[in-house]
PDB file of N, CA and C in Angstrom:
ATOM      1  N   MET A   1     -29.009   7.070  -1.504  1.00  0.00           N
ATOM      2  CA  MET A   1     -28.071   6.064  -1.973  1.00  0.00           C
ATOM      3  C   MET A   1     -28.507   4.722  -1.354  1.00  0.00           C
ATOM      4  N   ASN A   2     -28.284   3.580  -2.289  1.00  0.00           N
ATOM      5  CA  ASN A   2     -28.536   2.513  -1.633  1.00  0.00           C
ATOM      6  C   ASN A   2     -27.386   1.879  -0.829  1.00  0.00           C
ATOM      7  N   ALA A   3     -27.742   0.635  -0.129  1.00  0.00           N
ATOM      8  CA  ALA A   3     -26.739   0.131   0.581  1.00  0.00           C
ATOM      9  C   ALA A   3     -25.451  -0.416  -0.103  1.00  0.00           C
ATOM     10  N   PHE A   4     -25.710  -0.958  -1.241  1.00  0.00           N
ATOM     11  CA  PHE A   4     -24.650  -1.398  -2.170  1.00  0.00           C
ATOM     12  C   PHE A   4     -23.633  -0.465  -2.511  1.00  0.00           C
ATOM     13  N   ALA A   5     -24.117   0.779  -2.840  1.00  0.00           N
ATOM     14  CA  ALA A   5     -23.289   1.821  -3.385  1.00  0.00           C
ATOM     15  C   ALA A   5     -22.400   2.414  -2.149  1.00  0.00           C
ATOM     16  N   GLU A   6     -23.106   2.254  -0.946  1.00  0.00           N
ATOM     17  CA  GLU A   6     -22.189   2.872   0.421  1.00  0.00           C
ATOM     18  C   GLU A   6     -21.382   1.813   0.699  1.00  0.00           C
ATOM     19  N   ALA A   7     -21.510   0.399   0.528  1.00  0.00           N
ATOM     20  CA  ALA A   7     -20.488  -0.440   0.815  1.00  0.00           C
ATOM     21  C   ALA A   7     -19.455  -0.739  -0.416  1.00  0.00           C
ATOM     22  N   LEU A   8     -19.624  -0.004  -1.321  1.00  0.00           N
ATOM     23  CA  LEU A   8     -18.827  -0.385  -2.705  1.00  0.00           C
ATOM     24  C   LEU A   8     -17.122  -0.113  -2.276  1.00  0.00           C
ATOM     25  N   PRO A   9     -16.947   1.198  -1.599  1.00  0.00           N
ATOM     26  CA  PRO A   9     -15.486   1.593  -1.255  1.00  0.00           C
ATOM     27  C   PRO A   9     -14.916   0.266  -0.268  1.00  0.00           C
ATOM     28  N   VAL A  10     -15.557  -0.307   0.625  1.00  0.00           N
ATOM     29  CA  VAL A  10     -15.150  -1.365   1.460  1.00  0.00           C
ATOM     30  C   VAL A  10     -14.854  -2.483   0.557  1.00  0.00           C
ATOM     31  N   ILE A  11     -15.724  -2.866  -0.389  1.00  0.00           N
ATOM     32  CA  ILE A  11     -15.783  -3.923  -1.267  1.00  0.00           C
ATOM     33  C   ILE A  11     -14.259  -3.812  -2.105  1.00  0.00           C
ATOM     34  N   TRP A  12     -14.037  -2.506  -2.591  1.00  0.00           N
ATOM     35  CA  TRP A  12     -12.871  -2.476  -3.521  1.00  0.00           C
ATOM     36  C   TRP A  12     -11.691  -2.555  -2.427  1.00  0.00           C
ATOM     37  N   VAL A  13     -11.830  -2.181  -1.248  1.00  0.00           N
ATOM     38  CA  VAL A  13     -10.465  -2.339  -0.376  1.00  0.00           C
ATOM     39  C   VAL A  13     -10.311  -3.835  -0.020  1.00  0.00           C
ATOM     40  N   ALA A  14     -11.433  -4.532   0.123  1.00  0.00           N
ATOM     41  CA  ALA A  14     -11.367  -6.051   0.386  1.00  0.00           C
ATOM     42  C   ALA A  14     -10.616  -6.733  -0.901  1.00  0.00           C
ATOM     43  N   LEU A  15     -11.005  -6.316  -1.886  1.00  0.00           N
ATOM     44  CA  LEU A  15     -10.461  -6.937  -3.236  1.00  0.00           C
ATOM     45  C   LEU A  15      -9.139  -6.601  -3.320  1.00  0.00           C
ATOM     46  N   GLY A  16      -8.568  -5.327  -2.989  1.00  0.00           N
ATOM     47  CA  GLY A  16      -7.325  -4.947  -3.126  1.00  0.00           C
ATOM     48  C   GLY A  16      -6.443  -5.680  -2.089  1.00  0.00           C
ATOM     49  N   VAL A  17      -6.960  -6.054  -0.984  1.00  0.00           N
ATOM     50  CA  VAL A  17      -6.180  -7.049   0.058  1.00  0.00           C
ATOM     51  C   VAL A  17      -6.083  -8.240  -0.406  1.00  0.00           C
ATOM     52  N   VAL A  18      -7.262  -8.985  -1.241  1.00  0.00           N
ATOM     53  CA  VAL A  18      -6.893 -10.197  -1.777  1.00  0.00           C
ATOM     54  C   VAL A  18      -6.008  -9.989  -3.078  1.00  0.00           C
ATOM     55  N   LEU A  19      -5.940  -8.992  -3.770  1.00  0.00           N
ATOM     56  CA  LEU A  19      -5.004  -8.896  -4.793  1.00  0.00           C
ATOM     57  C   LEU A  19      -3.733  -8.831  -4.043  1.00  0.00           C
ATOM     58  N   LEU A  20      -3.474  -8.172  -3.280  1.00  0.00           N
ATOM     59  CA  LEU A  20      -2.148  -8.167  -2.399  1.00  0.00           C
ATOM     60  C   LEU A  20      -1.747  -9.421  -2.055  1.00  0.00           C
ATOM     61  N   LEU A  21      -2.614 -10.278  -1.337  1.00  0.00           N
ATOM     62  CA  LEU A  21      -2.089 -11.654  -0.952  1.00  0.00           C
ATOM     63  C   LEU A  21      -1.847 -12.702  -2.151  1.00  0.00           C
ATOM     64  N   ILE A  22      -2.555 -12.328  -3.146  1.00  0.00           N
ATOM     65  CA  ILE A  22      -2.273 -13.335  -4.427  1.00  0.00           C
ATOM     66  C   ILE A  22      -1.053 -12.822  -5.050  1.00  0.00           C
ATOM     67  N   LEU A  23      -0.717 -11.687  -5.183  1.00  0.00           N
ATOM     68  CA  LEU A  23       0.550 -11.221  -5.687  1.00  0.00           C
ATOM     69  C   LEU A  23       1.681 -11.588  -4.768  1.00  0.00           C
ATOM     70  N   ASN A  24       1.464 -11.609  -3.695  1.00  0.00           N
ATOM     71  CA  ASN A  24       2.569 -12.002  -2.527  1.00  0.00           C
ATOM     72  C   ASN A  24       2.816 -13.539  -2.544  1.00  0.00           C
ATOM     73  N   MET A  25       1.631 -14.241  -2.610  1.00  0.00           N
ATOM     74  CA  MET A  25       1.825 -15.646  -2.301  1.00  0.00           C
ATOM     75  C   MET A  25       1.976 -16.563  -3.542  1.00  0.00           C
ATOM     76  N   ARG A  26       1.060 -16.219  -4.418  1.00  0.00           N
ATOM     77  CA  ARG A  26       0.981 -17.021  -5.667  1.00  0.00           C
ATOM     78  C   ARG A  26       2.288 -16.597  -6.607  1.00  0.00           C
ATOM     79  N   PHE A  27       2.454 -15.334  -6.850  1.00  0.00           N
ATOM     80  CA  PHE A  27       3.264 -14.711  -7.724  1.00  0.00           C
ATOM     81  C   PHE A  27       4.577 -14.353  -7.235  1.00  0.00           C
ATOM     82  N   LYS A  28       4.724 -14.431  -5.906  1.00  0.00           N
ATOM     83  CA  LYS A  28       5.934 -14.262  -5.235  1.00  0.00           C
ATOM     84  C   LYS A  28       6.562 -12.783  -5.601  1.00  0.00           C
ATOM     85  N   ILE A  29       5.618 -11.883  -5.776  1.00  0.00           N
ATOM     86  CA  ILE A  29       6.122 -10.359  -6.152  1.00  0.00           C
ATOM     87  C   ILE A  29       6.553  -9.775  -4.780  1.00  0.00           C
ATOM     88  N   ASN A  30       7.458  -8.977  -4.850  1.00  0.00           N
ATOM     89  CA  ASN A  30       7.886  -8.182  -3.613  1.00  0.00           C
ATOM     90  C   ASN A  30       6.769  -7.604  -3.003  1.00  0.00           C
ATOM     91  N   GLY A  31       6.967  -7.435  -1.643  1.00  0.00           N
ATOM     92  CA  GLY A  31       5.836  -6.849  -0.718  1.00  0.00           C
ATOM     93  C   GLY A  31       5.612  -5.464  -1.183  1.00  0.00           C
ATOM     94  N   MET A  32       6.505  -4.462  -1.226  1.00  0.00           N
ATOM     95  CA  MET A  32       6.304  -3.241  -1.567  1.00  0.00           C
ATOM     96  C   MET A  32       5.662  -3.083  -2.947  1.00  0.00           C
ATOM     97  N   LEU A  33       6.243  -3.672  -3.957  1.00  0.00           N
ATOM     98  CA  LEU A  33       5.694  -3.681  -5.354  1.00  0.00           C
ATOM     99  C   LEU A  33       4.079  -4.224  -5.249  1.00  0.00           C
ATOM    100  N   ALA A  34       4.009  -5.318  -4.604  1.00  0.00           N
ATOM    101  CA  ALA A  34       2.426  -5.734  -4.518  1.00  0.00           C
ATOM    102  C   ALA A  34       1.645  -4.724  -3.789  1.00  0.00           C
ATOM    103  N   LEU A  35       1.965  -4.191  -2.586  1.00  0.00           N
ATOM    104  CA  LEU A  35       1.263  -3.050  -2.171  1.00  0.00           C
ATOM    105  C   LEU A  35       1.066  -1.867  -3.092  1.00  0.00           C
ATOM    106  N   LEU A  36       2.044  -1.490  -3.755  1.00  0.00           N
ATOM    107  CA  LEU A  36       1.905  -0.343  -4.852  1.00  0.00           C
ATOM    108  C   LEU A  36       0.840  -0.897  -5.735  1.00  0.00           C
ATOM    109  N   LEU A  37       0.842  -1.963  -6.397  1.00  0.00           N
ATOM    110  CA  LEU A  37       0.051  -2.420  -7.427  1.00  0.00           C
ATOM    111  C   LEU A  37      -1.428  -2.532  -6.874  1.00  0.00           C
ATOM    112  N   ALA A  38      -1.489  -3.080  -5.549  1.00  0.00           N
ATOM    113  CA  ALA A  38      -2.911  -3.192  -4.934  1.00  0.00           C
ATOM    114  C   ALA A  38      -3.637  -1.722  -4.566  1.00  0.00           C
ATOM    115  N   ALA A  39      -2.649  -0.717  -4.175  1.00  0.00           N
ATOM    116  CA  ALA A  39      -3.057   0.662  -4.263  1.00  0.00           C
ATOM    117  C   ALA A  39      -3.455   1.192  -5.435  1.00  0.00           C
ATOM    118  N   ILE A  40      -2.841   1.089  -6.452  1.00  0.00           N
ATOM    119  CA  ILE A  40      -3.258   1.623  -7.717  1.00  0.00           C
ATOM    120  C   ILE A  40      -4.547   1.081  -8.202  1.00  0.00           C
ATOM    121  N   PHE A  41      -4.743  -0.478  -8.143  1.00  0.00           N
ATOM    122  CA  PHE A  41      -6.049  -1.027  -8.377  1.00  0.00           C
ATOM    123  C   PHE A  41      -7.035  -0.364  -7.502  1.00  0.00           C
ATOM    124  N   VAL A  42      -7.020  -0.287  -6.196  1.00  0.00           N
ATOM    125  CA  VAL A  42      -8.124   0.055  -5.241  1.00  0.00           C
ATOM    126  C   VAL A  42      -8.536   1.704  -5.828  1.00  0.00           C
ATOM    127  N   GLY A  43      -7.358   2.379  -6.279  1.00  0.00           N
ATOM    128  CA  GLY A  43      -7.471   3.812  -6.572  1.00  0.00           C
ATOM    129  C   GLY A  43      -8.353   3.920  -7.953  1.00  0.00           C
ATOM    130  N   VAL A  44      -7.996   3.059  -8.925  1.00  0.00           N
ATOM    131  CA  VAL A  44      -8.721   2.945 -10.250  1.00  0.00           C
ATOM    132  C   VAL A  44     -10.067   2.531  -9.978  1.00  0.00           C
ATOM    133  N   CYS A  45     -10.390   1.467  -9.145  1.00  0.00           N
ATOM    134  CA  CYS A  45     -11.703   1.023  -8.976  1.00  0.00           C
ATOM    135  C   CYS A  45     -12.661   2.213  -8.284  1.00  0.00           C
ATOM    136  N   GLU A  46     -12.064   2.999  -7.385  1.00  0.00           N
ATOM    137  CA  GLU A  46     -12.669   4.050  -6.866  1.00  0.00           C
ATOM    138  C   GLU A  46     -12.990   5.114  -7.813  1.00  0.00           C
ATOM    139  N   GLY A  47     -12.340   5.135  -8.985  1.00  0.00           N
ATOM    140  CA  GLY A  47     -12.679   6.188 -10.014  1.00  0.00           C
ATOM    141  C   GLY A  47     -11.618   7.285  -9.802  1.00  0.00           C
ATOM    142  N   LEU A  48     -10.690   7.285  -9.230  1.00  0.00           N
ATOM    143  CA  LEU A  48      -9.680   8.482  -9.012  1.00  0.00           C
ATOM    144  C   LEU A  48      -8.826   8.540 -10.299  1.00  0.00           C
ATOM    145  N   PRO A  49      -8.592   9.820 -10.661  1.00  0.00           N
ATOM    146  CA  PRO A  49      -7.699   9.980 -11.733  1.00  0.00           C
ATOM    147  C   PRO A  49      -6.333   9.507 -11.421  1.00  0.00           C
ATOM    148  N   LEU A  50      -5.427   9.275 -12.311  1.00  0.00           N
ATOM    149  CA  LEU A  50      -4.233   8.558 -12.234  1.00  0.00           C
ATOM    150  C   LEU A  50      -3.245   9.572 -11.424  1.00  0.00           C
ATOM    151  N   GLU A  51      -3.395  10.947 -11.543  1.00  0.00           N
ATOM    152  CA  GLU A  51      -2.580  11.938 -10.989  1.00  0.00           C
ATOM    153  C   GLU A  51      -3.178  11.945  -9.331  1.00  0.00           C
ATOM    154  N   ALA A  52      -4.290  11.816  -9.063  1.00  0.00           N
ATOM    155  CA  ALA A  52      -4.577  11.816  -7.666  1.00  0.00           C
ATOM    156  C   ALA A  52      -4.339  10.471  -6.984  1.00  0.00           C
ATOM    157  N   ILE A  53      -4.323   9.470  -7.674  1.00  0.00           N
ATOM    158  CA  ILE A  53      -3.687   7.977  -7.047  1.00  0.00           C
ATOM    159  C   ILE A  53      -2.257   8.123  -6.736  1.00  0.00           C
ATOM    160  N   GLY A  54      -1.430   8.655  -7.716  1.00  0.00           N
ATOM    161  CA  GLY A  54      -0.047   8.759  -7.434  1.00  0.00           C
ATOM    162  C   GLY A  54       0.124   9.748  -6.367  1.00  0.00           C
ATOM    163  N   LYS A  55      -0.440  10.850  -6.196  1.00  0.00           N
ATOM    164  CA  LYS A  55      -0.378  11.720  -5.059  1.00  0.00           C
ATOM    165  C   LYS A  55      -0.668  11.284  -3.833  1.00  0.00           C
ATOM    166  N   SER A  56      -1.906  10.503  -3.763  1.00  0.00           N
ATOM    167  CA  SER A  56      -2.155   9.740  -2.649  1.00  0.00           C
ATOM    168  C   SER A  56      -1.334   8.828  -2.056  1.00  0.00           C
ATOM    169  N   ILE A  57      -0.768   7.949  -3.098  1.00  0.00           N
ATOM    170  CA  ILE A  57       0.343   6.965  -2.663  1.00  0.00           C
ATOM    171  C   ILE A  57       1.553   7.683  -2.182  1.00  0.00           C
ATOM    172  N   GLU A  58       1.935   8.579  -2.795  1.00  0.00           N
ATOM    173  CA  GLU A  58       3.148   9.354  -2.314  1.00  0.00           C
ATOM    174  C   GLU A  58       3.011  10.035  -1.025  1.00  0.00           C
ATOM    175  N   THR A  59       1.721  10.592  -0.701  1.00  0.00           N
ATOM    176  CA  THR A  59       1.659  11.042   0.651  1.00  0.00           C
ATOM    177  C   THR A  59       1.604  10.016   1.618  1.00  0.00           C
ATOM    178  N   GLY A  60       0.760   8.930   1.363  1.00  0.00           N
ATOM    179  CA  GLY A  60       0.788   7.815   2.403  1.00  0.00           C
ATOM    180  C   GLY A  60       2.058   7.204   2.590  1.00  0.00           C
ATOM    181  N   ILE A  61       2.857   6.897   1.600  1.00  0.00           N
ATOM    182  CA  ILE A  61       4.268   6.115   1.732  1.00  0.00           C
ATOM    183  C   ILE A  61       5.233   7.272   2.550  1.00  0.00           C
ATOM    184  N   GLY A  62       5.053   8.442   2.053  1.00  0.00           N
ATOM    185  CA  GLY A  62       5.967   9.510   2.695  1.00  0.00           C
ATOM    186  C   GLY A  62       5.653   9.774   4.248  1.00  0.00           C
ATOM    187  N   SER A  63       4.371   9.800   4.647  1.00  0.00           N
ATOM    188  CA  SER A  63       4.055  10.068   5.926  1.00  0.00           C
ATOM    189  C   SER A  63       4.427   8.704   6.735  1.00  0.00           C
ATOM    190  N   THR A  64       4.195   7.557   6.178  1.00  0.00           N
ATOM    191  CA  THR A  64       4.666   6.326   6.949  1.00  0.00           C
ATOM    192  C   THR A  64       5.958   6.131   7.109  1.00  0.00           C
ATOM    193  N   LEU A  65       6.908   6.366   5.912  1.00  0.00           N
ATOM    194  CA  LEU A  65       8.235   6.259   6.199  1.00  0.00           C
ATOM    195  C   LEU A  65       8.760   7.456   7.110  1.00  0.00           C
ATOM    196  N   GLY A  66       8.231   8.528   7.181  1.00  0.00           N
ATOM    197  CA  GLY A  66       8.575   9.841   7.883  1.00  0.00           C
ATOM    198  C   GLY A  66       8.574   9.280   9.428  1.00  0.00           C
ATOM    199  N   HIS A  67       7.554   8.662   9.767  1.00  0.00           N
ATOM    200  CA  HIS A  67       7.327   8.239  11.145  1.00  0.00           C
ATOM    201  C   HIS A  67       8.226   6.902  11.485  1.00  0.00           C
ATOM    202  N   LEU A  68       8.594   6.235  10.473  1.00  0.00           N
ATOM    203  CA  LEU A  68       9.389   5.020  10.796  1.00  0.00           C
ATOM    204  C   LEU A  68      10.858   5.244  10.399  1.00  0.00           C
ATOM    205  N   ALA A  69      11.223   6.303  10.083  1.00  0.00           N
ATOM    206  CA  ALA A  69      12.586   6.466   9.634  1.00  0.00           C
ATOM    207  C   ALA A  69      13.600   6.737  10.859  1.00  0.00           C
ATOM    208  N   LEU A  70      13.314   7.245  12.019  1.00  0.00           N
ATOM    209  CA  LEU A  70      14.241   7.097  12.969  1.00  0.00           C
ATOM    210  C   LEU A  70      14.219   5.558  13.763  1.00  0.00           C
ATOM    211  N   ILE A  71      13.219   4.952  13.592  1.00  0.00           N
ATOM    212  CA  ILE A  71      13.218   3.418  14.147  1.00  0.00           C
ATOM    213  C   ILE A  71      14.135   2.589  13.358  1.00  0.00           C
ATOM    214  N   ILE A  72      13.878   2.934  11.983  1.00  0.00           N
ATOM    215  CA  ILE A  72      14.884   2.176  10.855  1.00  0.00           C
ATOM    216  C   ILE A  72      16.268   2.513  11.036  1.00  0.00           C
ATOM    217  N   LEU A  73      16.495   3.768  11.428  1.00  0.00           N
ATOM    218  CA  LEU A  73      17.948   4.293  11.555  1.00  0.00           C
ATOM    219  C   LEU A  73      18.661   3.825  12.844  1.00  0.00           C
ATOM    220  N   PHE A  74      17.859   3.853  13.830  1.00  0.00           N
ATOM    221  CA  PHE A  74      18.382   3.236  15.128  1.00  0.00           C
ATOM    222  C   PHE A  74      18.614   1.898  15.167  1.00  0.00           C
ATOM    223  N   GLY A  75      17.695   1.169  14.383  1.00  0.00           N
ATOM    224  CA  GLY A  75      17.821  -0.385  14.208  1.00  0.00           C
ATOM    225  C   GLY A  75      19.020  -0.727  13.421  1.00  0.00           C
ATOM    226  N   ALA A  76      19.441   0.047  12.502  1.00  0.00           N
ATOM    227  CA  ALA A  76      20.597  -0.036  11.508  1.00  0.00           C
ATOM    228  C   ALA A  76      21.702   0.187  12.231  1.00  0.00           C
ATOM    229  N   ILE A  77      21.691   1.047  13.154  1.00  0.00           N
ATOM    230  CA  ILE A  77      22.921   1.458  13.859  1.00  0.00           C
ATOM    231  C   ILE A  77      23.095   0.461  15.013  1.00  0.00           C
ATOM    232  N   LEU A  78      22.241  -0.029  15.695  1.00  0.00           N
ATOM    233  CA  LEU A  78      22.338  -0.983  16.764  1.00  0.00           C
ATOM    234  C   LEU A  78      22.496  -2.197  16.266  1.00  0.00           C
ATOM    235  N   GLY A  79      22.166  -2.645  14.968  1.00  0.00           N
ATOM    236  CA  GLY A  79      22.334  -4.074  14.406  1.00  0.00           C
ATOM    237  C   GLY A  79      23.530  -4.010  13.815  1.00  0.00           C
ATOM    238  N   LYS A  80      24.377  -3.157  13.618  1.00  0.00           N
ATOM    239  CA  LYS A  80      25.458  -3.092  12.624  1.00  0.00           C
ATOM    240  C   LYS A  80      26.610  -3.900  13.660  1.00  0.00           C
ATOM    241  N   THR A  81      27.225  -4.719  12.820  1.00  0.00           N
ATOM    242  CA  THR A  81      28.395  -5.590  13.570  1.00  0.00           C
ATOM    243  C   THR A  81      29.664  -5.236  13.182  1.00  0.00           C
ATOM    244  N   ASP A  82      30.551  -5.225  13.921  1.00  0.00           N
ATOM    245  CA  ASP A  82      31.991  -4.930  13.588  1.00  0.00           C
ATOM    246  C   ASP A  82      32.752  -6.343  13.137  1.00  0.00           C
ATOM    247  N   GLY A  83      33.081  -6.214  11.986  1.00  0.00           N
ATOM    248  CA  GLY A  83      33.820  -7.435  11.603  1.00  0.00           C
ATOM    249  C   GLY A  83      33.702  -7.732  10.232  1.00  0.00           C
TER     250      GLY A  83
END
């Protein structure tokens, strides 16, 4: 393999980050939706089938939210105001 082919996944991720920034700053799209669109873009550029892209996103978001669920829950409980 040549050096360009080995660097291609990194290039796709970098373009995905640029797309994420453009969607957020220029078009004012919600952060989660922009992240989802950027993830789909990177997956398509990598040549993954759409089913694999969906499963990968589901696994990634699920594991991240699983780790953050307690923090979000306790923050909501502690941040609740009476009144």
